[in-house]
Amino acid sequence: MKVVTQDIQKAPDGAQNNPAGNARQTRPLSPRAAELVAERTTGNLPVWVRAPRNGGVEFYTGFSRAKLYELAGERKIRSVSIREPGAIKGTRLFHLASILAFIEKCEQEAMCGLERN
């Protein structure tokens, strides 16, 4: 069985029990996270996803319906509305790769912020 790991960062207040100081430690991913990583590396992810209903979160990102619409409205992620001409209702789809790219961008900005401090 292949063990997939994720990095654990030292807390800013130094609360992490880490004798090596800023050295990175790893721990096994949860089964669901390992499955998502495997899907991402093998290219089995969908291109477009729908917003969750009834207070749930989107399966691949954990974003709520409100957050997806907020990010799309701010043009931080791609979305498209599919509807017939003249129709009031349609289906809004969100581009999964753009959501994942947004998350990675946020992570990089956070890492740069930690390095400056």
PDB file of N, CA and C in Angstrom:
ATOM      1  N   MET A   1       0.841  -1.183   0.000  1.00  0.00           N
ATOM      2  CA  MET A   1       0.000   0.000   0.000  1.00  0.00           C
ATOM      3  C   MET A   1       0.881   1.240   0.000  1.00  0.00           C
ATOM      4  N   LYS A   2       0.568   2.157  -0.871  1.00  0.00           N
ATOM      5  CA  LYS A   2       1.320   3.394  -0.964  1.00  0.00           C
ATOM      6  C   LYS A   2       0.827   4.373   0.097  1.00  0.00           C
ATOM      7  N   VAL A   3       1.744   4.955   0.851  1.00  0.00           N
ATOM      8  CA  VAL A   3       1.375   5.939   1.868  1.00  0.00           C
ATOM      9  C   VAL A   3       1.539   7.321   1.264  1.00  0.00           C
ATOM     10  N   VAL A   4       0.463   8.069   1.257  1.00  0.00           N
ATOM     11  CA  VAL A   4       0.480   9.439   0.775  1.00  0.00           C
ATOM     12  C   VAL A   4       0.578  10.323   1.996  1.00  0.00           C
ATOM     13  N   THR A   5       1.413  11.322   1.941  1.00  0.00           N
ATOM     14  CA  THR A   5       1.595  12.185   3.098  1.00  0.00           C
ATOM     15  C   THR A   5       1.317  13.632   2.749  1.00  0.00           C
ATOM     16  N   GLN A   6       1.071  14.415   3.771  1.00  0.00           N
ATOM     17  CA  GLN A   6       0.937  15.855   3.601  1.00  0.00           C
ATOM     18  C   GLN A   6       1.866  16.528   4.592  1.00  0.00           C
ATOM     19  N   ASP A   7       2.278  17.724   4.269  1.00  0.00           N
ATOM     20  CA  ASP A   7       3.175  18.464   5.143  1.00  0.00           C
ATOM     21  C   ASP A   7       2.409  19.050   6.318  1.00  0.00           C
ATOM     22  N   ILE A   8       3.044  19.050   7.479  1.00  0.00           N
ATOM     23  CA  ILE A   8       2.501  19.696   8.667  1.00  0.00           C
ATOM     24  C   ILE A   8       3.418  20.867   8.981  1.00  0.00           C
ATOM     25  N   GLN A   9       2.870  22.050   8.980  1.00  0.00           N
ATOM     26  CA  GLN A   9       3.667  23.241   9.242  1.00  0.00           C
ATOM     27  C   GLN A   9       3.724  23.526  10.736  1.00  0.00           C
ATOM     28  N   LYS A  10       4.794  24.104  11.167  1.00  0.00           N
ATOM     29  CA  LYS A  10       4.915  24.548  12.550  1.00  0.00           C
ATOM     30  C   LYS A  10       3.984  25.737  12.753  1.00  0.00           C
ATOM     31  N   ALA A  11       3.269  25.728  13.848  1.00  0.00           N
ATOM     32  CA  ALA A  11       2.352  26.819  14.151  1.00  0.00           C
ATOM     33  C   ALA A  11       3.143  28.099  14.376  1.00  0.00           C
ATOM     34  N   PRO A  12       2.583  29.269  13.999  1.00  0.00           N
ATOM     35  CA  PRO A  12       3.291  30.536  14.175  1.00  0.00           C
ATOM     36  C   PRO A  12       3.694  30.808  15.616  1.00  0.00           C
ATOM     37  N   ASP A  13       2.903  30.320  16.582  1.00  0.00           N
ATOM     38  CA  ASP A  13       3.236  30.568  17.985  1.00  0.00           C
ATOM     39  C   ASP A  13       4.206  29.528  18.539  1.00  0.00           C
ATOM     40  N   GLY A  14       4.661  28.602  17.686  1.00  0.00           N
ATOM     41  CA  GLY A  14       5.626  27.593  18.095  1.00  0.00           C
ATOM     42  C   GLY A  14       4.998  26.448  18.858  1.00  0.00           C
ATOM     43  N   ALA A  15       3.676  26.318  18.812  1.00  0.00           N
ATOM     44  CA  ALA A  15       2.989  25.294  19.581  1.00  0.00           C
ATOM     45  C   ALA A  15       3.255  23.880  19.067  1.00  0.00           C
ATOM     46  N   GLN A  16       3.653  23.742  17.831  1.00  0.00           N
ATOM     47  CA  GLN A  16       3.930  22.426  17.256  1.00  0.00           C
ATOM     48  C   GLN A  16       5.071  21.762  18.016  1.00  0.00           C
ATOM     49  N   ASN A  17       4.886  20.521  18.409  1.00  0.00           N
ATOM     50  CA  ASN A  17       5.935  19.771  19.100  1.00  0.00           C
ATOM     51  C   ASN A  17       6.915  19.285  18.039  1.00  0.00           C
ATOM     52  N   ASN A  18       7.898  20.096  17.736  1.00  0.00           N
ATOM     53  CA  ASN A  18       8.799  19.836  16.631  1.00  0.00           C
ATOM     54  C   ASN A  18      10.222  20.126  17.088  1.00  0.00           C
ATOM     55  N   PRO A  19      11.008  19.105  17.458  1.00  0.00           N
ATOM     56  CA  PRO A  19      12.352  19.347  17.959  1.00  0.00           C
ATOM     57  C   PRO A  19      13.302  19.924  16.928  1.00  0.00           C
ATOM     58  N   ALA A  20      12.987  19.796  15.653  1.00  0.00           N
ATOM     59  CA  ALA A  20      13.882  20.293  14.614  1.00  0.00           C
ATOM     60  C   ALA A  20      13.593  21.739  14.242  1.00  0.00           C
ATOM     61  N   GLY A  21      12.766  22.414  15.006  1.00  0.00           N
ATOM     62  CA  GLY A  21      12.464  23.817  14.700  1.00  0.00           C
ATOM     63  C   GLY A  21      11.509  23.938  13.536  1.00  0.00           C
ATOM     64  N   ASN A  22      11.958  24.499  12.421  1.00  0.00           N
ATOM     65  CA  ASN A  22      11.103  24.718  11.266  1.00  0.00           C
ATOM     66  C   ASN A  22      11.079  23.544  10.296  1.00  0.00           C
ATOM     67  N   ALA A  23      11.709  22.431  10.626  1.00  0.00           N
ATOM     68  CA  ALA A  23      11.705  21.273   9.735  1.00  0.00           C
ATOM     69  C   ALA A  23      10.273  20.794   9.534  1.00  0.00           C
ATOM     70  N   ARG A  24       9.997  20.258   8.371  1.00  0.00           N
ATOM     71  CA  ARG A  24       8.658  19.800   8.054  1.00  0.00           C
ATOM     72  C   ARG A  24       8.500  18.345   8.472  1.00  0.00           C
ATOM     73  N   GLN A  25       7.326  18.016   8.960  1.00  0.00           N
ATOM     74  CA  GLN A  25       6.979  16.652   9.316  1.00  0.00           C
ATOM     75  C   GLN A  25       5.869  16.204   8.380  1.00  0.00           C
ATOM     76  N   THR A  26       5.674  14.907   8.262  1.00  0.00           N
ATOM     77  CA  THR A  26       4.572  14.403   7.455  1.00  0.00           C
ATOM     78  C   THR A  26       3.741  13.437   8.280  1.00  0.00           C
ATOM     79  N   ARG A  27       2.492  13.294   7.871  1.00  0.00           N
ATOM     80  CA  ARG A  27       1.596  12.323   8.493  1.00  0.00           C
ATOM     81  C   ARG A  27       0.735  11.735   7.391  1.00  0.00           C
ATOM     82  N   PRO A  28       0.207  10.541   7.581  1.00  0.00           N
ATOM     83  CA  PRO A  28      -0.627   9.926   6.546  1.00  0.00           C
ATOM     84  C   PRO A  28      -1.886  10.756   6.295  1.00  0.00           C
ATOM     85  N   LEU A  29      -2.300  10.804   5.041  1.00  0.00           N
ATOM     86  CA  LEU A  29      -3.541  11.486   4.691  1.00  0.00           C
ATOM     87  C   LEU A  29      -4.727  10.621   5.073  1.00  0.00           C
ATOM     88  N   SER A  30      -5.853  11.249   5.265  1.00  0.00           N
ATOM     89  CA  SER A  30      -7.079  10.491   5.504  1.00  0.00           C
ATOM     90  C   SER A  30      -7.403   9.712   4.229  1.00  0.00           C
ATOM     91  N   PRO A  31      -8.169   8.640   4.335  1.00  0.00           N
ATOM     92  CA  PRO A  31      -8.508   7.863   3.131  1.00  0.00           C
ATOM     93  C   PRO A  31      -9.171   8.711   2.046  1.00  0.00           C
ATOM     94  N   ARG A  32     -10.072   9.625   2.441  1.00  0.00           N
ATOM     95  CA  ARG A  32     -10.752  10.468   1.447  1.00  0.00           C
ATOM     96  C   ARG A  32      -9.757  11.401   0.760  1.00  0.00           C
ATOM     97  N   ALA A  33      -8.851  11.999   1.547  1.00  0.00           N
ATOM     98  CA  ALA A  33      -7.856  12.899   0.959  1.00  0.00           C
ATOM     99  C   ALA A  33      -6.921  12.139   0.038  1.00  0.00           C
ATOM    100  N   ALA A  34      -6.522  10.933   0.425  1.00  0.00           N
ATOM    101  CA  ALA A  34      -5.651  10.116  -0.423  1.00  0.00           C
ATOM    102  C   ALA A  34      -6.351   9.781  -1.740  1.00  0.00           C
ATOM    103  N   GLU A  35      -7.655   9.513  -1.670  1.00  0.00           N
ATOM    104  CA  GLU A  35      -8.431   9.223  -2.879  1.00  0.00           C
ATOM    105  C   GLU A  35      -8.474  10.441  -3.804  1.00  0.00           C
ATOM    106  N   LEU A  36      -8.668  11.627  -3.226  1.00  0.00           N
ATOM    107  CA  LEU A  36      -8.711  12.846  -4.031  1.00  0.00           C
ATOM    108  C   LEU A  36      -7.360  13.133  -4.675  1.00  0.00           C
ATOM    109  N   VAL A  37      -6.288  12.926  -3.931  1.00  0.00           N
ATOM    110  CA  VAL A  37      -4.946  13.126  -4.490  1.00  0.00           C
ATOM    111  C   VAL A  37      -4.722  12.164  -5.639  1.00  0.00           C
ATOM    112  N   ALA A  38      -5.117  10.905  -5.464  1.00  0.00           N
ATOM    113  CA  ALA A  38      -4.950   9.906  -6.523  1.00  0.00           C
ATOM    114  C   ALA A  38      -5.762  10.280  -7.757  1.00  0.00           C
ATOM    115  N   GLU A  39      -6.999  10.752  -7.554  1.00  0.00           N
ATOM    116  CA  GLU A  39      -7.819  11.169  -8.685  1.00  0.00           C
ATOM    117  C   GLU A  39      -7.195  12.343  -9.414  1.00  0.00           C
ATOM    118  N   ARG A  40      -6.629  13.262  -8.665  1.00  0.00           N
ATOM    119  CA  ARG A  40      -6.030  14.444  -9.285  1.00  0.00           C
ATOM    120  C   ARG A  40      -4.799  14.076 -10.101  1.00  0.00           C
ATOM    121  N   THR A  41      -3.968  13.167  -9.590  1.00  0.00           N
ATOM    122  CA  THR A  41      -2.747  12.807 -10.303  1.00  0.00           C
ATOM    123  C   THR A  41      -3.027  11.913 -11.505  1.00  0.00           C
ATOM    124  N   THR A  42      -4.126  11.152 -11.471  1.00  0.00           N
ATOM    125  CA  THR A  42      -4.445  10.292 -12.613  1.00  0.00           C
ATOM    126  C   THR A  42      -5.358  10.982 -13.612  1.00  0.00           C
ATOM    127  N   GLY A  43      -5.798  12.195 -13.308  1.00  0.00           N
ATOM    128  CA  GLY A  43      -6.626  12.944 -14.244  1.00  0.00           C
ATOM    129  C   GLY A  43      -8.081  12.513 -14.266  1.00  0.00           C
ATOM    130  N   ASN A  44      -8.576  11.882 -13.204  1.00  0.00           N
ATOM    131  CA  ASN A  44      -9.955  11.423 -13.164  1.00  0.00           C
ATOM    132  C   ASN A  44     -10.914  12.445 -12.575  1.00  0.00           C
ATOM    133  N   LEU A  45     -10.500  13.676 -12.447  1.00  0.00           N
ATOM    134  CA  LEU A  45     -11.378  14.707 -11.900  1.00  0.00           C
ATOM    135  C   LEU A  45     -12.304  15.233 -12.984  1.00  0.00           C
ATOM    136  N   PRO A  46     -13.506  15.649 -12.607  1.00  0.00           N
ATOM    137  CA  PRO A  46     -14.391  16.262 -13.601  1.00  0.00           C
ATOM    138  C   PRO A  46     -13.887  17.642 -13.999  1.00  0.00           C
ATOM    139  N   VAL A  47     -14.307  18.096 -15.150  1.00  0.00           N
ATOM    140  CA  VAL A  47     -13.917  19.430 -15.615  1.00  0.00           C
ATOM    141  C   VAL A  47     -14.796  20.480 -14.950  1.00  0.00           C
ATOM    142  N   TRP A  48     -16.090  20.234 -14.867  1.00  0.00           N
ATOM    143  CA  TRP A  48     -17.049  21.170 -14.286  1.00  0.00           C
ATOM    144  C   TRP A  48     -17.766  20.503 -13.123  1.00  0.00           C
ATOM    145  N   VAL A  49     -18.103  21.279 -12.092  1.00  0.00           N
ATOM    146  CA  VAL A  49     -18.852  20.773 -10.938  1.00  0.00           C
ATOM    147  C   VAL A  49     -20.021  21.700 -10.652  1.00  0.00           C
ATOM    148  N   ARG A  50     -21.028  21.144  -9.994  1.00  0.00           N
ATOM    149  CA  ARG A  50     -22.191  21.941  -9.590  1.00  0.00           C
ATOM    150  C   ARG A  50     -22.032  22.384  -8.150  1.00  0.00           C
ATOM    151  N   ALA A  51     -22.686  23.459  -7.799  1.00  0.00           N
ATOM    152  CA  ALA A  51     -22.687  23.932  -6.416  1.00  0.00           C
ATOM    153  C   ALA A  51     -23.533  22.977  -5.575  1.00  0.00           C
ATOM    154  N   PRO A  52     -23.137  22.750  -4.334  1.00  0.00           N
ATOM    155  CA  PRO A  52     -23.917  21.852  -3.477  1.00  0.00           C
ATOM    156  C   PRO A  52     -25.248  22.483  -3.077  1.00  0.00           C
ATOM    157  N   ARG A  53     -26.175  21.651  -2.686  1.00  0.00           N
ATOM    158  CA  ARG A  53     -27.485  22.130  -2.223  1.00  0.00           C
ATOM    159  C   ARG A  53     -27.634  21.880  -0.730  1.00  0.00           C
ATOM    160  N   ASN A  54     -28.570  22.557  -0.131  1.00  0.00           N
ATOM    161  CA  ASN A  54     -28.976  22.315   1.266  1.00  0.00           C
ATOM    162  C   ASN A  54     -27.834  22.412   2.267  1.00  0.00           C
ATOM    163  N   GLY A  55     -27.004  23.425   2.167  1.00  0.00           N
ATOM    164  CA  GLY A  55     -25.981  23.663   3.165  1.00  0.00           C
ATOM    165  C   GLY A  55     -24.789  22.733   3.111  1.00  0.00           C
ATOM    166  N   GLY A  56     -24.680  21.941   2.076  1.00  0.00           N
ATOM    167  CA  GLY A  56     -23.540  21.035   1.952  1.00  0.00           C
ATOM    168  C   GLY A  56     -22.313  21.750   1.417  1.00  0.00           C
ATOM    169  N   VAL A  57     -21.257  20.987   1.190  1.00  0.00           N
ATOM    170  CA  VAL A  57     -20.035  21.530   0.611  1.00  0.00           C
ATOM    171  C   VAL A  57     -19.696  20.758  -0.652  1.00  0.00           C
ATOM    172  N   GLU A  58     -19.024  21.433  -1.574  1.00  0.00           N
ATOM    173  CA  GLU A  58     -18.621  20.811  -2.834  1.00  0.00           C
ATOM    174  C   GLU A  58     -17.620  19.700  -2.531  1.00  0.00           C
ATOM    175  N   PHE A  59     -17.772  18.540  -3.151  1.00  0.00           N
ATOM    176  CA  PHE A  59     -17.015  17.333  -2.825  1.00  0.00           C
ATOM    177  C   PHE A  59     -15.509  17.503  -2.941  1.00  0.00           C
ATOM    178  N   TYR A  60     -15.021  18.111  -4.008  1.00  0.00           N
ATOM    179  CA  TYR A  60     -13.590  18.154  -4.278  1.00  0.00           C
ATOM    180  C   TYR A  60     -12.864  19.287  -3.556  1.00  0.00           C
ATOM    181  N   THR A  61     -13.571  20.351  -3.201  1.00  0.00           N
ATOM    182  CA  THR A  61     -12.899  21.514  -2.615  1.00  0.00           C
ATOM    183  C   THR A  61     -13.351  21.851  -1.202  1.00  0.00           C
ATOM    184  N   GLY A  62     -14.534  21.429  -0.833  1.00  0.00           N
ATOM    185  CA  GLY A  62     -15.063  21.771   0.481  1.00  0.00           C
ATOM    186  C   GLY A  62     -15.686  23.150   0.539  1.00  0.00           C
ATOM    187  N   PHE A  63     -15.817  23.826  -0.610  1.00  0.00           N
ATOM    188  CA  PHE A  63     -16.424  25.154  -0.628  1.00  0.00           C
ATOM    189  C   PHE A  63     -17.946  25.036  -0.572  1.00  0.00           C
ATOM    190  N   SER A  64     -18.555  25.986   0.113  1.00  0.00           N
ATOM    191  CA  SER A  64     -20.013  26.041   0.172  1.00  0.00           C
ATOM    192  C   SER A  64     -20.553  26.659  -1.121  1.00  0.00           C
ATOM    193  N   ARG A  65     -21.851  26.540  -1.292  1.00  0.00           N
ATOM    194  CA  ARG A  65     -22.524  27.142  -2.450  1.00  0.00           C
ATOM    195  C   ARG A  65     -22.283  28.654  -2.472  1.00  0.00           C
ATOM    196  N   ALA A  66     -22.421  29.298  -1.304  1.00  0.00           N
ATOM    197  CA  ALA A  66     -22.241  30.750  -1.228  1.00  0.00           C
ATOM    198  C   ALA A  66     -20.818  31.151  -1.609  1.00  0.00           C
ATOM    199  N   LYS A  67     -19.827  30.398  -1.149  1.00  0.00           N
ATOM    200  CA  LYS A  67     -18.430  30.727  -1.451  1.00  0.00           C
ATOM    201  C   LYS A  67     -18.148  30.564  -2.947  1.00  0.00           C
ATOM    202  N   LEU A  68     -18.691  29.520  -3.566  1.00  0.00           N
ATOM    203  CA  LEU A  68     -18.487  29.331  -5.007  1.00  0.00           C
ATOM    204  C   LEU A  68     -19.077  30.507  -5.791  1.00  0.00           C
ATOM    205  N   TYR A  69     -20.284  30.916  -5.441  1.00  0.00           N
ATOM    206  CA  TYR A  69     -20.907  32.047  -6.131  1.00  0.00           C
ATOM    207  C   TYR A  69     -20.147  33.349  -5.856  1.00  0.00           C
ATOM    208  N   GLU A  70     -19.660  33.519  -4.647  1.00  0.00           N
ATOM    209  CA  GLU A  70     -18.884  34.716  -4.304  1.00  0.00           C
ATOM    210  C   GLU A  70     -17.608  34.793  -5.146  1.00  0.00           C
ATOM    211  N   LEU A  71     -16.860  33.689  -5.202  1.00  0.00           N
ATOM    212  CA  LEU A  71     -15.606  33.669  -5.961  1.00  0.00           C
ATOM    213  C   LEU A  71     -15.865  33.856  -7.453  1.00  0.00           C
ATOM    214  N   ALA A  72     -16.941  33.264  -7.951  1.00  0.00           N
ATOM    215  CA  ALA A  72     -17.283  33.431  -9.369  1.00  0.00           C
ATOM    216  C   ALA A  72     -17.667  34.883  -9.649  1.00  0.00           C
ATOM    217  N   GLY A  73     -18.410  35.490  -8.739  1.00  0.00           N
ATOM    218  CA  GLY A  73     -18.809  36.891  -8.905  1.00  0.00           C
ATOM    219  C   GLY A  73     -17.624  37.843  -8.893  1.00  0.00           C
ATOM    220  N   GLU A  74     -16.590  37.480  -8.145  1.00  0.00           N
ATOM    221  CA  GLU A  74     -15.360  38.287  -8.097  1.00  0.00           C
ATOM    222  C   GLU A  74     -14.383  37.911  -9.212  1.00  0.00           C
ATOM    223  N   ARG A  75     -14.796  37.003 -10.087  1.00  0.00           N
ATOM    224  CA  ARG A  75     -13.979  36.533 -11.218  1.00  0.00           C
ATOM    225  C   ARG A  75     -12.680  35.857 -10.770  1.00  0.00           C
ATOM    226  N   LYS A  76     -12.705  35.240  -9.593  1.00  0.00           N
ATOM    227  CA  LYS A  76     -11.533  34.524  -9.107  1.00  0.00           C
ATOM    228  C   LYS A  76     -11.536  33.073  -9.577  1.00  0.00           C
ATOM    229  N   ILE A  77     -12.723  32.564  -9.933  1.00  0.00           N
ATOM    230  CA  ILE A  77     -12.848  31.242 -10.521  1.00  0.00           C
ATOM    231  C   ILE A  77     -13.777  31.338 -11.720  1.00  0.00           C
ATOM    232  N   ARG A  78     -13.712  30.349 -12.608  1.00  0.00           N
ATOM    233  CA  ARG A  78     -14.550  30.342 -13.801  1.00  0.00           C
ATOM    234  C   ARG A  78     -15.879  29.654 -13.516  1.00  0.00           C
ATOM    235  N   SER A  79     -16.923  30.193 -14.095  1.00  0.00           N
ATOM    236  CA  SER A  79     -18.233  29.544 -14.022  1.00  0.00           C
ATOM    237  C   SER A  79     -19.007  29.870 -15.285  1.00  0.00           C
ATOM    238  N   VAL A  80     -20.011  29.055 -15.553  1.00  0.00           N
ATOM    239  CA  VAL A  80     -20.846  29.264 -16.729  1.00  0.00           C
ATOM    240  C   VAL A  80     -22.277  28.875 -16.376  1.00  0.00           C
ATOM    241  N   SER A  81     -23.227  29.625 -16.926  1.00  0.00           N
ATOM    242  CA  SER A  81     -24.636  29.313 -16.737  1.00  0.00           C
ATOM    243  C   SER A  81     -25.156  28.673 -18.017  1.00  0.00           C
ATOM    244  N   ILE A  82     -25.724  27.486 -17.903  1.00  0.00           N
ATOM    245  CA  ILE A  82     -26.288  26.772 -19.047  1.00  0.00           C
ATOM    246  C   ILE A  82     -27.798  26.914 -18.976  1.00  0.00           C
ATOM    247  N   ARG A  83     -28.383  27.588 -19.953  1.00  0.00           N
ATOM    248  CA  ARG A  83     -29.837  27.721 -19.999  1.00  0.00           C
ATOM    249  C   ARG A  83     -30.282  28.011 -21.424  1.00  0.00           C
ATOM    250  N   GLU A  84     -31.506  27.688 -21.685  1.00  0.00           N
ATOM    251  CA  GLU A  84     -32.108  27.937 -22.983  1.00  0.00           C
ATOM    252  C   GLU A  84     -32.367  29.431 -23.157  1.00  0.00           C
ATOM    253  N   PRO A  85     -32.296  29.948 -24.371  1.00  0.00           N
ATOM    254  CA  PRO A  85     -32.592  31.364 -24.588  1.00  0.00           C
ATOM    255  C   PRO A  85     -33.989  31.730 -24.070  1.00  0.00           C
ATOM    256  N   GLY A  86     -34.055  32.794 -23.290  1.00  0.00           N
ATOM    257  CA  GLY A  86     -35.312  33.271 -22.730  1.00  0.00           C
ATOM    258  C   GLY A  86     -35.738  32.569 -21.451  1.00  0.00           C
ATOM    259  N   ALA A  87     -35.034  31.515 -21.065  1.00  0.00           N
ATOM    260  CA  ALA A  87     -35.408  30.783 -19.852  1.00  0.00           C
ATOM    261  C   ALA A  87     -34.962  31.552 -18.615  1.00  0.00           C
ATOM    262  N   ILE A  88     -35.714  31.440 -17.541  1.00  0.00           N
ATOM    263  CA  ILE A  88     -35.362  32.085 -16.284  1.00  0.00           C
ATOM    264  C   ILE A  88     -34.379  31.228 -15.505  1.00  0.00           C
ATOM    265  N   LYS A  89     -34.631  29.945 -15.473  1.00  0.00           N
ATOM    266  CA  LYS A  89     -33.786  29.028 -14.713  1.00  0.00           C
ATOM    267  C   LYS A  89     -32.802  28.307 -15.633  1.00  0.00           C
ATOM    268  N   GLY A  90     -31.670  27.971 -15.049  1.00  0.00           N
ATOM    269  CA  GLY A  90     -30.653  27.220 -15.772  1.00  0.00           C
ATOM    270  C   GLY A  90     -29.798  26.463 -14.778  1.00  0.00           C
ATOM    271  N   THR A  91     -28.644  26.042 -15.210  1.00  0.00           N
ATOM    272  CA  THR A  91     -27.699  25.332 -14.347  1.00  0.00           C
ATOM    273  C   THR A  91     -26.383  26.074 -14.357  1.00  0.00           C
ATOM    274  N   ARG A  92     -25.881  26.402 -13.177  1.00  0.00           N
ATOM    275  CA  ARG A  92     -24.584  27.068 -13.052  1.00  0.00           C
ATOM    276  C   ARG A  92     -23.541  26.006 -12.775  1.00  0.00           C
ATOM    277  N   LEU A  93     -22.476  25.982 -13.580  1.00  0.00           N
ATOM    278  CA  LEU A  93     -21.366  25.056 -13.403  1.00  0.00           C
ATOM    279  C   LEU A  93     -20.105  25.833 -13.075  1.00  0.00           C
ATOM    280  N   PHE A  94     -19.234  25.229 -12.281  1.00  0.00           N
ATOM    281  CA  PHE A  94     -17.986  25.859 -11.859  1.00  0.00           C
ATOM    282  C   PHE A  94     -16.816  25.019 -12.365  1.00  0.00           C
ATOM    283  N   HIS A  95     -15.813  25.684 -12.924  1.00  0.00           N
ATOM    284  CA  HIS A  95     -14.648  25.019 -13.497  1.00  0.00           C
ATOM    285  C   HIS A  95     -13.735  24.553 -12.367  1.00  0.00           C
ATOM    286  N   LEU A  96     -13.627  23.231 -12.187  1.00  0.00           N
ATOM    287  CA  LEU A  96     -12.896  22.681 -11.053  1.00  0.00           C
ATOM    288  C   LEU A  96     -11.419  23.056 -11.073  1.00  0.00           C
ATOM    289  N   ALA A  97     -10.778  23.032 -12.234  1.00  0.00           N
ATOM    290  CA  ALA A  97      -9.351  23.373 -12.304  1.00  0.00           C
ATOM    291  C   ALA A  97      -9.109  24.812 -11.849  1.00  0.00           C
ATOM    292  N   SER A  98     -10.031  25.725 -12.162  1.00  0.00           N
ATOM    293  CA  SER A  98      -9.846  27.112 -11.732  1.00  0.00           C
ATOM    294  C   SER A  98     -10.030  27.243 -10.220  1.00  0.00           C
ATOM    295  N   ILE A  99     -10.901  26.422  -9.636  1.00  0.00           N
ATOM    296  CA  ILE A  99     -11.076  26.442  -8.183  1.00  0.00           C
ATOM    297  C   ILE A  99      -9.819  25.924  -7.499  1.00  0.00           C
ATOM    298  N   LEU A 100      -9.279  24.810  -8.010  1.00  0.00           N
ATOM    299  CA  LEU A 100      -8.061  24.246  -7.428  1.00  0.00           C
ATOM    300  C   LEU A 100      -6.876  25.185  -7.601  1.00  0.00           C
ATOM    301  N   ALA A 101      -6.806  25.879  -8.744  1.00  0.00           N
ATOM    302  CA  ALA A 101      -5.736  26.860  -8.964  1.00  0.00           C
ATOM    303  C   ALA A 101      -5.863  28.017  -7.975  1.00  0.00           C
ATOM    304  N   PHE A 102      -7.099  28.436  -7.701  1.00  0.00           N
ATOM    305  CA  PHE A 102      -7.329  29.502  -6.727  1.00  0.00           C
ATOM    306  C   PHE A 102      -6.848  29.074  -5.340  1.00  0.00           C
ATOM    307  N   ILE A 103      -7.151  27.845  -4.957  1.00  0.00           N
ATOM    308  CA  ILE A 103      -6.718  27.333  -3.653  1.00  0.00           C
ATOM    309  C   ILE A 103      -5.197  27.300  -3.576  1.00  0.00           C
ATOM    310  N   GLU A 104      -4.542  26.832  -4.640  1.00  0.00           N
ATOM    311  CA  GLU A 104      -3.079  26.790  -4.663  1.00  0.00           C
ATOM    312  C   GLU A 104      -2.483  28.187  -4.580  1.00  0.00           C
ATOM    313  N   LYS A 105      -3.110  29.149  -5.262  1.00  0.00           N
ATOM    314  CA  LYS A 105      -2.642  30.536  -5.209  1.00  0.00           C
ATOM    315  C   LYS A 105      -2.741  31.073  -3.785  1.00  0.00           C
ATOM    316  N   CYS A 106      -3.846  30.784  -3.109  1.00  0.00           N
ATOM    317  CA  CYS A 106      -4.009  31.215  -1.718  1.00  0.00           C
ATOM    318  C   CYS A 106      -2.955  30.581  -0.822  1.00  0.00           C
ATOM    319  N   GLU A 107      -2.653  29.315  -1.066  1.00  0.00           N
ATOM    320  CA  GLU A 107      -1.629  28.627  -0.277  1.00  0.00           C
ATOM    321  C   GLU A 107      -0.263  29.270  -0.489  1.00  0.00           C
ATOM    322  N   GLN A 108       0.079  29.584  -1.739  1.00  0.00           N
ATOM    323  CA  GLN A 108       1.368  30.211  -2.032  1.00  0.00           C
ATOM    324  C   GLN A 108       1.464  31.581  -1.376  1.00  0.00           C
ATOM    325  N   GLU A 109       0.393  32.358  -1.432  1.00  0.00           N
ATOM    326  CA  GLU A 109       0.390  33.677  -0.792  1.00  0.00           C
ATOM    327  C   GLU A 109       0.552  33.547   0.716  1.00  0.00           C
ATOM    328  N   ALA A 110      -0.079  32.546   1.302  1.00  0.00           N
ATOM    329  CA  ALA A 110       0.062  32.323   2.748  1.00  0.00           C
ATOM    330  C   ALA A 110       1.479  31.913   3.093  1.00  0.00           C
ATOM    331  N   MET A 111       2.086  31.077   2.275  1.00  0.00           N
ATOM    332  CA  MET A 111       3.468  30.638   2.530  1.00  0.00           C
ATOM    333  C   MET A 111       4.430  31.824   2.409  1.00  0.00           C
ATOM    334  N   CYS A 112       4.213  32.694   1.429  1.00  0.00           N
ATOM    335  CA  CYS A 112       5.064  33.880   1.283  1.00  0.00           C
ATOM    336  C   CYS A 112       4.911  34.788   2.492  1.00  0.00           C
ATOM    337  N   GLY A 113       3.700  34.896   3.014  1.00  0.00           N
ATOM    338  CA  GLY A 113       3.452  35.711   4.199  1.00  0.00           C
ATOM    339  C   GLY A 113       4.151  35.158   5.430  1.00  0.00           C
ATOM    340  N   LEU A 114       4.194  33.832   5.550  1.00  0.00           N
ATOM    341  CA  LEU A 114       4.889  33.211   6.693  1.00  0.00           C
ATOM    342  C   LEU A 114       6.385  33.396   6.600  1.00  0.00           C
ATOM    343  N   GLU A 115       6.935  33.365   5.379  1.00  0.00           N
ATOM    344  CA  GLU A 115       8.370  33.525   5.195  1.00  0.00           C
ATOM    345  C   GLU A 115       8.830  34.937   5.538  1.00  0.00           C
ATOM    346  N   ARG A 116       7.952  35.918   5.329  1.00  0.00           N
ATOM    347  CA  ARG A 116       8.316  37.318   5.613  1.00  0.00           C
ATOM    348  C   ARG A 116       8.376  37.578   7.112  1.00  0.00           C
ATOM    349  N   ASN A 117       7.583  36.837   7.884  1.00  0.00           N
ATOM    350  CA  ASN A 117       7.518  37.083   9.335  1.00  0.00           C
ATOM    351  C   ASN A 117       8.648  36.462  10.049  1.00  0.00           C
TER     352      ASN A 117
END
